[in-house]
């Protein structure tokens, strides 16, 4: 058995309660084919990247399951032929062992510490720039006019 992830879109025009029925129907079909569903998550209503059959919004559902690779074609065909599912994408997914999960968690912790440090440094820099930005003394327009006349009054030699 291999581990797979499927993301499918249920059109919004079906309705919220019927979308749950479609989700249960998909669940029953996967179990009927011998799949062991490990997780299922309803991501909610979202706008599609582009309209499909004049439909612009859909309910996204992601499920992970274990299934025999020989039965995957039948599951894929069911999704393709189903009128209740707008689009579906099945991906093969690698199951991570506890060691890999621990490494990823340690890496995420390091990243969060680095981000926290960089935010502190940025705050200190912004505070120091605020303090060092002394407003320049205001120059009167009369003084500027005199200087411009002096500069423009001189002949330019090339």
N, C-alpha and C. Protein backbone atom coordinates (compact mmCIF):
# COMPACT_ATOMS: atom_id res chain seq x y z
N UNK A 1 0.84 -1.18 0.00
CA UNK A 1 0.00 0.00 0.00
C UNK A 1 0.88 1.24 0.00
N UNK A 2 0.47 2.23 -0.77
CA UNK A 2 1.18 3.50 -0.84
C UNK A 2 0.31 4.58 -0.20
N UNK A 3 0.95 5.65 0.18
CA UNK A 3 0.26 6.76 0.81
C UNK A 3 -0.03 7.82 -0.26
N UNK A 4 -1.27 8.29 -0.32
CA UNK A 4 -1.69 9.27 -1.30
C UNK A 4 -2.39 10.45 -0.63
N UNK A 5 -2.42 11.56 -1.35
CA UNK A 5 -3.18 12.72 -0.92
C UNK A 5 -4.05 13.14 -2.09
N UNK A 6 -5.30 13.43 -1.80
CA UNK A 6 -6.21 13.90 -2.85
C UNK A 6 -6.80 15.24 -2.43
N UNK A 7 -6.87 16.14 -3.39
CA UNK A 7 -7.53 17.42 -3.20
C UNK A 7 -8.62 17.48 -4.25
N UNK A 8 -9.84 17.66 -3.81
CA UNK A 8 -10.94 17.77 -4.77
C UNK A 8 -11.79 18.99 -4.46
N UNK A 9 -12.46 19.48 -5.50
CA UNK A 9 -13.27 20.70 -5.40
C UNK A 9 -14.73 20.35 -5.66
N UNK A 10 -15.56 20.74 -4.72
CA UNK A 10 -17.01 20.57 -4.87
C UNK A 10 -17.58 21.94 -5.22
N UNK A 11 -18.35 22.06 -6.32
CA UNK A 11 -18.88 23.37 -6.70
C UNK A 11 -19.82 23.93 -5.62
N UNK A 12 -19.78 25.23 -5.45
CA UNK A 12 -20.61 25.90 -4.44
C UNK A 12 -22.09 25.80 -4.79
N UNK A 13 -22.40 25.71 -6.07
CA UNK A 13 -23.81 25.65 -6.48
C UNK A 13 -24.53 24.42 -5.93
N UNK A 14 -23.78 23.42 -5.49
CA UNK A 14 -24.39 22.21 -4.92
C UNK A 14 -25.05 22.52 -3.58
N UNK A 15 -24.46 23.40 -2.81
CA UNK A 15 -25.01 23.74 -1.49
C UNK A 15 -24.16 23.14 -0.39
N UNK A 16 -24.24 23.76 0.78
CA UNK A 16 -23.36 23.38 1.88
C UNK A 16 -23.71 21.99 2.44
N UNK A 17 -25.01 21.71 2.65
CA UNK A 17 -25.39 20.42 3.21
C UNK A 17 -25.17 19.29 2.20
N UNK A 18 -25.37 19.58 0.92
CA UNK A 18 -25.11 18.56 -0.10
C UNK A 18 -23.61 18.36 -0.29
N UNK A 19 -22.82 19.40 -0.03
CA UNK A 19 -21.36 19.25 -0.12
C UNK A 19 -20.87 18.26 0.92
N UNK A 20 -21.47 18.31 2.12
CA UNK A 20 -21.12 17.33 3.15
C UNK A 20 -21.52 15.91 2.71
N UNK A 21 -22.65 15.81 2.02
CA UNK A 21 -23.08 14.51 1.51
C UNK A 21 -22.10 13.99 0.45
N UNK A 22 -21.61 14.89 -0.41
CA UNK A 22 -20.63 14.50 -1.42
C UNK A 22 -19.34 14.06 -0.75
N UNK A 23 -18.95 14.78 0.29
CA UNK A 23 -17.73 14.44 1.03
C UNK A 23 -17.88 13.04 1.65
N UNK A 24 -19.04 12.74 2.21
CA UNK A 24 -19.29 11.40 2.76
C UNK A 24 -19.30 10.34 1.67
N UNK A 25 -19.83 10.70 0.51
CA UNK A 25 -19.87 9.77 -0.62
C UNK A 25 -18.46 9.43 -1.08
N UNK A 26 -17.59 10.44 -1.14
CA UNK A 26 -16.19 10.21 -1.52
C UNK A 26 -15.51 9.33 -0.48
N UNK A 27 -15.78 9.63 0.79
CA UNK A 27 -15.21 8.85 1.88
C UNK A 27 -15.63 7.38 1.76
N UNK A 28 -16.91 7.16 1.52
CA UNK A 28 -17.44 5.79 1.39
C UNK A 28 -16.83 5.08 0.18
N UNK A 29 -16.66 5.81 -0.93
CA UNK A 29 -16.07 5.21 -2.13
C UNK A 29 -14.63 4.79 -1.86
N UNK A 30 -13.86 5.65 -1.17
CA UNK A 30 -12.47 5.32 -0.88
C UNK A 30 -12.38 4.10 0.04
N UNK A 31 -13.22 4.06 1.07
CA UNK A 31 -13.22 2.92 1.98
C UNK A 31 -13.67 1.66 1.24
N UNK A 32 -14.63 1.81 0.34
CA UNK A 32 -15.11 0.69 -0.46
C UNK A 32 -14.03 0.10 -1.35
N UNK A 33 -13.11 0.92 -1.80
CA UNK A 33 -12.00 0.45 -2.63
C UNK A 33 -10.85 -0.11 -1.80
N UNK A 34 -10.99 -0.06 -0.48
CA UNK A 34 -9.97 -0.63 0.38
C UNK A 34 -8.97 0.39 0.89
N UNK A 35 -9.31 1.66 0.82
CA UNK A 35 -8.40 2.71 1.28
C UNK A 35 -8.53 2.87 2.79
N UNK A 36 -7.41 3.17 3.41
CA UNK A 36 -7.39 3.49 4.83
C UNK A 36 -7.18 5.00 4.93
N UNK A 37 -8.22 5.75 5.25
CA UNK A 37 -8.15 7.21 5.28
C UNK A 37 -7.48 7.64 6.59
N UNK A 38 -6.37 8.36 6.45
CA UNK A 38 -5.62 8.79 7.64
C UNK A 38 -6.02 10.18 8.10
N UNK A 39 -6.36 11.06 7.18
CA UNK A 39 -6.83 12.39 7.57
C UNK A 39 -7.70 12.97 6.47
N UNK A 40 -8.61 13.84 6.88
CA UNK A 40 -9.50 14.51 5.93
C UNK A 40 -9.78 15.90 6.47
N UNK A 41 -9.64 16.90 5.60
CA UNK A 41 -9.81 18.27 6.05
C UNK A 41 -10.59 19.06 5.01
N UNK A 42 -11.62 19.74 5.48
CA UNK A 42 -12.41 20.60 4.62
C UNK A 42 -11.80 22.01 4.71
N UNK A 43 -11.24 22.51 3.61
CA UNK A 43 -10.59 23.82 3.61
C UNK A 43 -11.57 24.96 3.42
N UNK A 44 -12.82 24.67 3.16
CA UNK A 44 -13.84 25.70 3.03
C UNK A 44 -14.00 26.22 1.62
N UNK A 45 -14.84 27.23 1.51
CA UNK A 45 -15.13 27.84 0.21
C UNK A 45 -14.00 28.78 -0.18
N UNK A 46 -13.59 28.67 -1.44
CA UNK A 46 -12.54 29.54 -1.96
C UNK A 46 -12.83 29.86 -3.41
N UNK A 47 -12.23 30.94 -3.87
CA UNK A 47 -12.37 31.32 -5.27
C UNK A 47 -11.40 30.49 -6.08
N UNK A 48 -11.86 29.99 -7.22
CA UNK A 48 -11.00 29.21 -8.11
C UNK A 48 -10.02 30.15 -8.82
N UNK A 49 -8.90 29.62 -9.22
CA UNK A 49 -7.90 30.42 -9.93
C UNK A 49 -8.44 30.87 -11.29
N UNK A 50 -9.26 30.04 -11.89
CA UNK A 50 -9.89 30.37 -13.16
C UNK A 50 -11.25 29.67 -13.20
N UNK A 51 -12.22 30.22 -13.92
CA UNK A 51 -13.55 29.59 -13.94
C UNK A 51 -13.52 28.24 -14.66
N UNK A 52 -14.23 27.28 -14.10
CA UNK A 52 -14.38 25.95 -14.70
C UNK A 52 -15.87 25.76 -14.95
N UNK A 53 -16.25 25.62 -16.20
CA UNK A 53 -17.66 25.48 -16.58
C UNK A 53 -18.50 26.61 -16.00
N UNK A 54 -18.00 27.83 -16.06
CA UNK A 54 -18.65 29.04 -15.57
C UNK A 54 -18.85 29.04 -14.05
N UNK A 55 -18.09 28.23 -13.35
CA UNK A 55 -18.15 28.18 -11.89
C UNK A 55 -16.89 28.84 -11.36
N UNK A 56 -17.06 29.79 -10.44
CA UNK A 56 -15.92 30.56 -9.94
C UNK A 56 -15.52 30.25 -8.50
N UNK A 57 -16.38 29.56 -7.75
CA UNK A 57 -16.10 29.25 -6.35
C UNK A 57 -16.35 27.77 -6.09
N UNK A 58 -15.62 27.23 -5.13
CA UNK A 58 -15.79 25.82 -4.78
C UNK A 58 -15.36 25.54 -3.36
N UNK A 59 -15.79 24.41 -2.85
CA UNK A 59 -15.38 23.95 -1.53
C UNK A 59 -14.22 22.98 -1.72
N UNK A 60 -13.09 23.30 -1.13
CA UNK A 60 -11.89 22.48 -1.27
C UNK A 60 -11.82 21.47 -0.13
N UNK A 61 -11.52 20.22 -0.47
CA UNK A 61 -11.37 19.17 0.52
C UNK A 61 -10.07 18.42 0.24
N UNK A 62 -9.28 18.17 1.29
CA UNK A 62 -8.02 17.44 1.17
C UNK A 62 -8.12 16.21 2.06
N UNK A 63 -7.74 15.06 1.48
CA UNK A 63 -7.76 13.81 2.25
C UNK A 63 -6.47 13.04 1.99
N UNK A 64 -5.98 12.38 3.02
CA UNK A 64 -4.82 11.50 2.88
C UNK A 64 -5.28 10.08 3.16
N UNK A 65 -4.76 9.14 2.37
CA UNK A 65 -5.19 7.76 2.53
C UNK A 65 -4.11 6.81 2.02
N UNK A 66 -4.20 5.56 2.49
CA UNK A 66 -3.33 4.49 2.01
C UNK A 66 -4.16 3.61 1.10
N UNK A 67 -3.59 3.24 -0.06
CA UNK A 67 -4.34 2.46 -1.04
C UNK A 67 -3.37 1.63 -1.87
N UNK A 68 -3.87 0.49 -2.32
CA UNK A 68 -3.10 -0.36 -3.22
C UNK A 68 -2.96 0.36 -4.56
N UNK A 69 -1.75 0.49 -5.10
CA UNK A 69 -1.56 1.23 -6.36
C UNK A 69 -2.38 0.68 -7.53
N UNK A 70 -2.74 -0.61 -7.51
CA UNK A 70 -3.52 -1.18 -8.60
C UNK A 70 -4.94 -0.61 -8.63
N UNK A 71 -5.44 -0.16 -7.49
CA UNK A 71 -6.81 0.37 -7.42
C UNK A 71 -6.87 1.88 -7.64
N UNK A 72 -5.73 2.51 -7.79
CA UNK A 72 -5.71 3.96 -7.93
C UNK A 72 -6.37 4.43 -9.22
N UNK A 73 -6.20 3.69 -10.29
CA UNK A 73 -6.81 4.07 -11.57
C UNK A 73 -8.33 4.10 -11.46
N UNK A 74 -8.90 3.13 -10.75
CA UNK A 74 -10.35 3.08 -10.58
C UNK A 74 -10.85 4.28 -9.77
N UNK A 75 -10.12 4.64 -8.74
CA UNK A 75 -10.48 5.81 -7.92
C UNK A 75 -10.40 7.08 -8.76
N UNK A 76 -9.33 7.20 -9.53
CA UNK A 76 -9.14 8.38 -10.39
C UNK A 76 -10.27 8.48 -11.41
N UNK A 77 -10.66 7.36 -11.99
CA UNK A 77 -11.77 7.36 -12.96
C UNK A 77 -13.08 7.77 -12.29
N UNK A 78 -13.31 7.33 -11.07
CA UNK A 78 -14.53 7.71 -10.36
C UNK A 78 -14.60 9.22 -10.19
N UNK A 79 -13.48 9.83 -9.81
CA UNK A 79 -13.47 11.29 -9.65
C UNK A 79 -13.66 12.00 -10.98
N UNK A 80 -13.05 11.47 -12.04
CA UNK A 80 -13.18 12.10 -13.35
C UNK A 80 -14.63 12.06 -13.85
N UNK A 81 -15.33 10.99 -13.58
CA UNK A 81 -16.68 10.81 -14.08
C UNK A 81 -17.76 11.36 -13.15
N UNK A 82 -17.41 11.69 -11.95
CA UNK A 82 -18.38 12.20 -10.99
C UNK A 82 -18.82 13.62 -11.38
N UNK A 83 -20.14 13.82 -11.41
CA UNK A 83 -20.66 15.14 -11.74
C UNK A 83 -20.67 16.06 -10.52
N UNK A 84 -20.49 15.48 -9.35
CA UNK A 84 -20.54 16.26 -8.11
C UNK A 84 -19.18 16.86 -7.74
N UNK A 85 -18.11 16.37 -8.37
CA UNK A 85 -16.76 16.86 -8.09
C UNK A 85 -16.28 17.62 -9.32
N UNK A 86 -15.91 18.87 -9.10
CA UNK A 86 -15.48 19.73 -10.20
C UNK A 86 -14.10 19.33 -10.72
N UNK A 87 -13.13 19.21 -9.83
CA UNK A 87 -11.77 18.79 -10.17
C UNK A 87 -11.22 17.97 -9.01
N UNK A 88 -10.27 17.08 -9.33
CA UNK A 88 -9.60 16.30 -8.30
C UNK A 88 -8.16 16.06 -8.73
N UNK A 89 -7.28 16.05 -7.77
CA UNK A 89 -5.86 15.80 -8.04
C UNK A 89 -5.34 14.83 -6.98
N UNK A 90 -4.79 13.70 -7.43
CA UNK A 90 -4.24 12.70 -6.52
C UNK A 90 -2.72 12.75 -6.62
N UNK A 91 -2.07 12.83 -5.47
CA UNK A 91 -0.61 12.86 -5.41
C UNK A 91 -0.11 11.72 -4.55
N UNK A 92 1.01 11.14 -4.97
CA UNK A 92 1.67 10.15 -4.14
C UNK A 92 2.47 10.90 -3.09
N UNK A 93 2.37 10.48 -1.85
CA UNK A 93 3.00 11.21 -0.77
C UNK A 93 3.88 10.27 0.03
N UNK A 94 5.04 10.75 0.42
CA UNK A 94 5.95 9.93 1.20
C UNK A 94 5.57 10.03 2.67
N UNK A 95 5.48 8.89 3.32
CA UNK A 95 5.18 8.86 4.75
C UNK A 95 6.48 9.15 5.50
N UNK A 96 6.43 10.10 6.41
CA UNK A 96 7.63 10.49 7.14
C UNK A 96 7.72 9.70 8.44
N UNK A 97 8.94 9.26 8.73
CA UNK A 97 9.15 8.53 9.97
C UNK A 97 9.36 9.52 11.11
N UNK A 98 9.31 9.06 12.36
CA UNK A 98 9.44 9.98 13.50
C UNK A 98 10.75 10.78 13.49
N UNK A 99 11.82 10.18 12.98
CA UNK A 99 13.11 10.88 12.93
C UNK A 99 13.02 12.10 12.00
N UNK A 100 12.41 11.92 10.83
CA UNK A 100 12.25 13.03 9.89
C UNK A 100 11.36 14.11 10.48
N UNK A 101 10.29 13.72 11.15
CA UNK A 101 9.39 14.70 11.77
C UNK A 101 10.12 15.50 12.85
N UNK A 102 10.99 14.81 13.63
CA UNK A 102 11.75 15.51 14.67
C UNK A 102 12.73 16.51 14.06
N UNK A 103 13.37 16.12 12.95
CA UNK A 103 14.30 17.04 12.27
C UNK A 103 13.57 18.26 11.74
N UNK A 104 12.41 18.04 11.13
CA UNK A 104 11.63 19.16 10.60
C UNK A 104 11.18 20.09 11.72
N UNK A 105 10.78 19.52 12.85
CA UNK A 105 10.34 20.33 13.98
C UNK A 105 11.50 21.17 14.51
N UNK A 106 12.69 20.57 14.63
CA UNK A 106 13.87 21.31 15.09
C UNK A 106 14.22 22.43 14.11
N UNK A 107 14.10 22.15 12.83
CA UNK A 107 14.38 23.16 11.81
C UNK A 107 13.40 24.31 11.91
N UNK A 108 12.11 24.01 12.11
CA UNK A 108 11.10 25.05 12.25
C UNK A 108 11.35 25.91 13.48
N UNK A 109 11.79 25.28 14.58
CA UNK A 109 12.11 26.03 15.79
C UNK A 109 13.29 26.98 15.56
N UNK A 110 14.32 26.50 14.84
CA UNK A 110 15.47 27.35 14.52
C UNK A 110 15.03 28.55 13.68
N UNK A 111 14.18 28.27 12.70
CA UNK A 111 13.69 29.36 11.84
C UNK A 111 12.92 30.39 12.65
N UNK A 112 12.07 29.94 13.55
CA UNK A 112 11.28 30.89 14.34
C UNK A 112 12.19 31.72 15.24
N UNK A 113 13.25 31.11 15.81
CA UNK A 113 14.20 31.86 16.64
C UNK A 113 14.93 32.91 15.81
N UNK A 114 15.36 32.52 14.60
CA UNK A 114 16.06 33.46 13.72
C UNK A 114 15.15 34.62 13.32
N UNK A 115 13.89 34.32 13.04
CA UNK A 115 12.95 35.37 12.67
C UNK A 115 12.72 36.31 13.84
N UNK A 116 12.64 35.77 15.05
CA UNK A 116 12.44 36.60 16.23
C UNK A 116 13.65 37.51 16.43
N UNK A 117 14.86 36.97 16.25
CA UNK A 117 16.07 37.77 16.39
C UNK A 117 16.11 38.88 15.34
N UNK A 118 15.77 38.55 14.10
CA UNK A 118 15.81 39.55 13.04
C UNK A 118 14.78 40.65 13.29
N UNK A 119 13.63 40.29 13.86
CA UNK A 119 12.62 41.30 14.18
C UNK A 119 13.13 42.24 15.26
N UNK A 120 13.83 41.71 16.25
CA UNK A 120 14.39 42.54 17.32
C UNK A 120 15.43 43.49 16.75
N UNK A 121 16.30 42.98 15.86
CA UNK A 121 17.33 43.81 15.24
C UNK A 121 16.69 44.91 14.41
N UNK A 122 15.64 44.56 13.66
CA UNK A 122 14.95 45.56 12.83
C UNK A 122 14.32 46.65 13.70
N UNK A 123 13.74 46.24 14.83
CA UNK A 123 13.13 47.23 15.73
C UNK A 123 14.19 48.18 16.28
N UNK A 124 15.35 47.64 16.67
CA UNK A 124 16.42 48.48 17.19
C UNK A 124 16.92 49.44 16.12
N UNK A 125 17.07 48.93 14.88
CA UNK A 125 17.52 49.79 13.78
C UNK A 125 16.52 50.89 13.51
N UNK A 126 15.24 50.55 13.53
CA UNK A 126 14.22 51.57 13.24
C UNK A 126 14.20 52.62 14.35
N UNK A 127 14.40 52.19 15.59
CA UNK A 127 14.45 53.15 16.70
C UNK A 127 15.66 54.06 16.57
N UNK A 128 16.81 53.49 16.18
CA UNK A 128 18.02 54.30 16.07
C UNK A 128 17.91 55.28 14.90
N UNK A 129 17.27 54.87 13.82
CA UNK A 129 17.11 55.79 12.69
C UNK A 129 16.13 56.90 13.04
N UNK A 130 15.13 56.59 13.85
CA UNK A 130 14.18 57.63 14.27
C UNK A 130 14.90 58.67 15.13
N UNK A 131 15.79 58.19 16.01
CA UNK A 131 16.52 59.10 16.88
C UNK A 131 17.55 59.91 16.11
N UNK A 132 18.21 59.29 15.12
CA UNK A 132 19.27 59.98 14.39
C UNK A 132 18.74 60.91 13.31
N UNK A 133 17.51 60.78 12.93
CA UNK A 133 16.93 61.65 11.91
C UNK A 133 16.54 62.99 12.53
N UNK A 134 17.56 63.82 12.70
CA UNK A 134 17.31 65.17 13.21
C UNK A 134 16.81 66.01 12.06
N UNK A 135 15.75 66.73 12.26
CA UNK A 135 15.27 67.57 11.16
C UNK A 135 16.28 68.66 10.87
N UNK A 136 16.55 68.86 9.58
CA UNK A 136 17.52 69.89 9.19
C UNK A 136 16.92 71.27 9.47
N UNK A 137 17.79 72.23 9.77
CA UNK A 137 17.26 73.56 10.06
C UNK A 137 16.54 74.12 8.83
N UNK A 138 15.45 74.81 9.08
CA UNK A 138 14.66 75.35 7.97
C UNK A 138 15.41 76.54 7.36
N UNK A 139 15.42 76.54 6.05
CA UNK A 139 16.06 77.62 5.32
C UNK A 139 14.96 78.50 4.76
N UNK A 140 15.16 79.79 4.87
CA UNK A 140 14.15 80.73 4.38
C UNK A 140 14.23 80.82 2.87
N UNK A 141 13.09 81.12 2.27
CA UNK A 141 13.02 81.22 0.81
C UNK A 141 13.88 82.36 0.28
N UNK A 142 13.99 83.43 1.02
CA UNK A 142 14.81 84.57 0.58
C UNK A 142 16.27 84.15 0.42
N UNK A 143 16.76 83.37 1.38
CA UNK A 143 18.14 82.92 1.32
C UNK A 143 18.36 82.00 0.12
N UNK A 144 17.38 81.13 -0.15
CA UNK A 144 17.49 80.24 -1.31
C UNK A 144 17.49 81.04 -2.61
N UNK A 145 16.65 82.05 -2.70
CA UNK A 145 16.61 82.88 -3.90
C UNK A 145 17.94 83.57 -4.13
N UNK A 146 18.56 84.11 -3.07
CA UNK A 146 19.85 84.78 -3.20
C UNK A 146 20.91 83.82 -3.70
N UNK A 147 20.95 82.63 -3.15
CA UNK A 147 21.95 81.65 -3.58
C UNK A 147 21.74 81.26 -5.03
N UNK A 148 20.48 81.07 -5.44
CA UNK A 148 20.19 80.73 -6.83
C UNK A 148 20.63 81.85 -7.78
N UNK A 149 20.40 83.08 -7.39
CA UNK A 149 20.82 84.21 -8.22
C UNK A 149 22.33 84.25 -8.35
N UNK A 150 23.04 83.98 -7.26
CA UNK A 150 24.49 83.96 -7.30
C UNK A 150 25.00 82.89 -8.25
N UNK A 151 24.40 81.70 -8.13
CA UNK A 151 24.85 80.59 -8.97
C UNK A 151 24.53 80.85 -10.43
N UNK A 152 23.31 81.30 -10.71
CA UNK A 152 22.90 81.52 -12.08
C UNK A 152 23.51 82.78 -12.67
N UNK A 153 23.87 83.70 -11.82
CA UNK A 153 24.47 84.95 -12.30
C UNK A 153 25.87 84.77 -12.82
N UNK A 154 26.60 83.80 -12.34
CA UNK A 154 27.95 83.53 -12.80
C UNK A 154 27.90 82.96 -14.20
N UNK A 155 28.88 83.26 -14.97
CA UNK A 155 28.96 82.74 -16.33
C UNK A 155 29.47 81.30 -16.29
N UNK A 156 28.89 80.51 -17.11
CA UNK A 156 29.31 79.12 -17.18
C UNK A 156 30.38 79.03 -18.27
N UNK A 157 31.58 78.58 -17.92
CA UNK A 157 32.68 78.48 -18.85
C UNK A 157 32.90 77.02 -19.21
N UNK A 158 33.01 76.78 -20.51
CA UNK A 158 33.27 75.41 -20.95
C UNK A 158 34.59 75.30 -21.61
